[in-house]
Amino acid sequence: MIAPTSAATGRTAADWCDGTAPTGFIAESIAQDDAVEITVFGGWRAYLAR
């Protein structure tokens, strides 16, 4: 599966106390407009298997 163009990995805005900024999943705010909350499925694999 390929991630949509509005999603990527990159440095987050969170600055940790040691001065590092972790790499994480980032997305444009427009990506959440029609996003599905998959937490109730137990994760993305369970969501895809439904």
N, C-alpha and C. Protein backbone atom coordinates (compact mmCIF):
# COMPACT_ATOMS: atom_id res chain seq x y z
N MET A 1 0.84 -1.17 0.00
CA MET A 1 0.00 0.00 0.00
C MET A 1 0.89 1.24 0.00
N ILE A 2 0.54 2.20 -0.76
CA ILE A 2 1.28 3.46 -0.83
C ILE A 2 0.54 4.52 -0.04
N ALA A 3 1.27 5.29 0.75
CA ALA A 3 0.66 6.36 1.55
C ALA A 3 0.16 7.47 0.63
N PRO A 4 -0.96 8.08 0.99
CA PRO A 4 -1.46 9.20 0.19
C PRO A 4 -0.46 10.34 0.16
N THR A 5 -0.57 11.19 -0.84
CA THR A 5 0.40 12.27 -0.99
C THR A 5 0.35 13.28 0.15
N SER A 6 -0.73 13.29 0.93
CA SER A 6 -0.81 14.22 2.05
C SER A 6 -0.14 13.69 3.30
N ALA A 7 0.46 12.49 3.22
CA ALA A 7 1.10 11.87 4.38
C ALA A 7 2.58 11.66 4.11
N ALA A 8 3.36 11.70 5.18
CA ALA A 8 4.81 11.53 5.05
C ALA A 8 5.43 11.26 6.41
N THR A 9 6.68 10.93 6.43
CA THR A 9 7.43 10.89 7.68
C THR A 9 8.35 12.10 7.68
N GLY A 10 8.61 12.61 8.85
CA GLY A 10 9.48 13.78 8.94
C GLY A 10 9.70 14.16 10.39
N ARG A 11 10.46 15.21 10.58
CA ARG A 11 10.74 15.69 11.94
C ARG A 11 9.49 16.35 12.48
N THR A 12 9.16 16.01 13.71
CA THR A 12 7.98 16.58 14.34
C THR A 12 8.30 17.91 14.99
N ALA A 13 7.27 18.62 15.38
CA ALA A 13 7.46 19.91 16.05
C ALA A 13 7.73 19.72 17.54
N ALA A 14 7.59 18.50 18.03
CA ALA A 14 7.83 18.23 19.45
C ALA A 14 9.32 18.27 19.75
N ASP A 15 9.72 19.13 20.64
CA ASP A 15 11.12 19.19 21.07
C ASP A 15 11.22 18.50 22.42
N TRP A 16 12.04 17.48 22.50
CA TRP A 16 12.22 16.75 23.74
C TRP A 16 13.17 17.52 24.64
N CYS A 17 13.18 17.17 25.91
CA CYS A 17 13.99 17.91 26.88
C CYS A 17 15.48 17.87 26.56
N ASP A 18 15.92 16.87 25.78
CA ASP A 18 17.34 16.81 25.44
C ASP A 18 17.66 17.58 24.15
N GLY A 19 16.63 18.28 23.61
CA GLY A 19 16.86 19.11 22.43
C GLY A 19 16.64 18.41 21.10
N THR A 20 16.31 17.12 21.13
CA THR A 20 16.07 16.41 19.88
C THR A 20 14.62 16.55 19.44
N ALA A 21 14.39 16.40 18.17
CA ALA A 21 13.04 16.40 17.61
C ALA A 21 12.86 15.06 16.91
N PRO A 22 11.98 14.20 17.43
CA PRO A 22 11.85 12.85 16.87
C PRO A 22 11.25 12.83 15.47
N THR A 23 11.59 11.79 14.73
CA THR A 23 10.96 11.57 13.43
C THR A 23 9.63 10.89 13.68
N GLY A 24 8.61 11.30 12.97
CA GLY A 24 7.29 10.73 13.17
C GLY A 24 6.45 10.82 11.92
N PHE A 25 5.22 10.37 12.02
CA PHE A 25 4.27 10.43 10.92
C PHE A 25 3.63 11.81 10.93
N ILE A 26 3.63 12.46 9.79
CA ILE A 26 3.02 13.78 9.68
C ILE A 26 2.06 13.78 8.49
N ALA A 27 1.06 14.64 8.57
CA ALA A 27 0.09 14.74 7.49
C ALA A 27 -0.46 16.15 7.42
N GLU A 28 -0.88 16.54 6.24
CA GLU A 28 -1.52 17.84 6.09
C GLU A 28 -2.87 17.79 6.80
N SER A 29 -3.32 18.91 7.33
CA SER A 29 -4.58 18.94 8.07
C SER A 29 -5.77 18.52 7.20
N ILE A 30 -5.69 18.74 5.92
CA ILE A 30 -6.79 18.35 5.02
C ILE A 30 -6.94 16.83 4.97
N ALA A 31 -5.90 16.09 5.32
CA ALA A 31 -5.95 14.63 5.28
C ALA A 31 -6.93 14.06 6.29
N GLN A 32 -7.23 14.78 7.35
CA GLN A 32 -8.14 14.26 8.37
C GLN A 32 -9.60 14.49 8.04
N ASP A 33 -9.89 15.27 7.02
CA ASP A 33 -11.28 15.59 6.69
C ASP A 33 -12.13 14.36 6.44
N ASP A 34 -11.61 13.38 5.73
CA ASP A 34 -12.38 12.16 5.46
C ASP A 34 -11.67 10.92 6.00
N ALA A 35 -10.83 11.11 7.00
CA ALA A 35 -10.08 10.00 7.59
C ALA A 35 -10.99 9.12 8.42
N VAL A 36 -10.65 7.85 8.50
CA VAL A 36 -11.38 6.88 9.31
C VAL A 36 -10.60 6.63 10.59
N GLU A 37 -11.27 6.71 11.74
CA GLU A 37 -10.65 6.41 13.02
C GLU A 37 -10.57 4.89 13.15
N ILE A 38 -9.35 4.35 13.13
CA ILE A 38 -9.19 2.90 13.11
C ILE A 38 -8.88 2.31 14.49
N THR A 39 -8.83 3.11 15.52
CA THR A 39 -8.50 2.62 16.85
C THR A 39 -9.45 1.51 17.29
N VAL A 40 -10.74 1.65 16.98
CA VAL A 40 -11.72 0.65 17.41
C VAL A 40 -11.49 -0.72 16.75
N PHE A 41 -10.75 -0.74 15.65
CA PHE A 41 -10.43 -2.00 14.98
C PHE A 41 -9.19 -2.67 15.57
N GLY A 42 -8.44 -1.96 16.39
CA GLY A 42 -7.24 -2.51 17.00
C GLY A 42 -5.98 -2.26 16.20
N GLY A 43 -6.04 -1.45 15.18
CA GLY A 43 -4.87 -1.13 14.38
C GLY A 43 -5.16 -1.21 12.88
N TRP A 44 -4.19 -0.83 12.10
CA TRP A 44 -4.42 -0.73 10.66
C TRP A 44 -4.56 -2.09 9.99
N ARG A 45 -3.86 -3.11 10.49
CA ARG A 45 -4.00 -4.45 9.88
C ARG A 45 -5.41 -4.98 10.06
N ALA A 46 -5.96 -4.83 11.26
CA ALA A 46 -7.33 -5.28 11.51
C ALA A 46 -8.32 -4.47 10.69
N TYR A 47 -8.06 -3.18 10.54
CA TYR A 47 -8.93 -2.34 9.72
C TYR A 47 -8.94 -2.82 8.26
N LEU A 48 -7.77 -3.11 7.73
CA LEU A 48 -7.68 -3.58 6.33
C LEU A 48 -8.32 -4.96 6.15
N ALA A 49 -8.29 -5.78 7.19
CA ALA A 49 -8.83 -7.13 7.10
C ALA A 49 -10.36 -7.19 7.25
N ARG A 50 -10.97 -6.11 7.61
CA ARG A 50 -12.43 -6.13 7.86
C ARG A 50 -13.24 -6.46 6.66
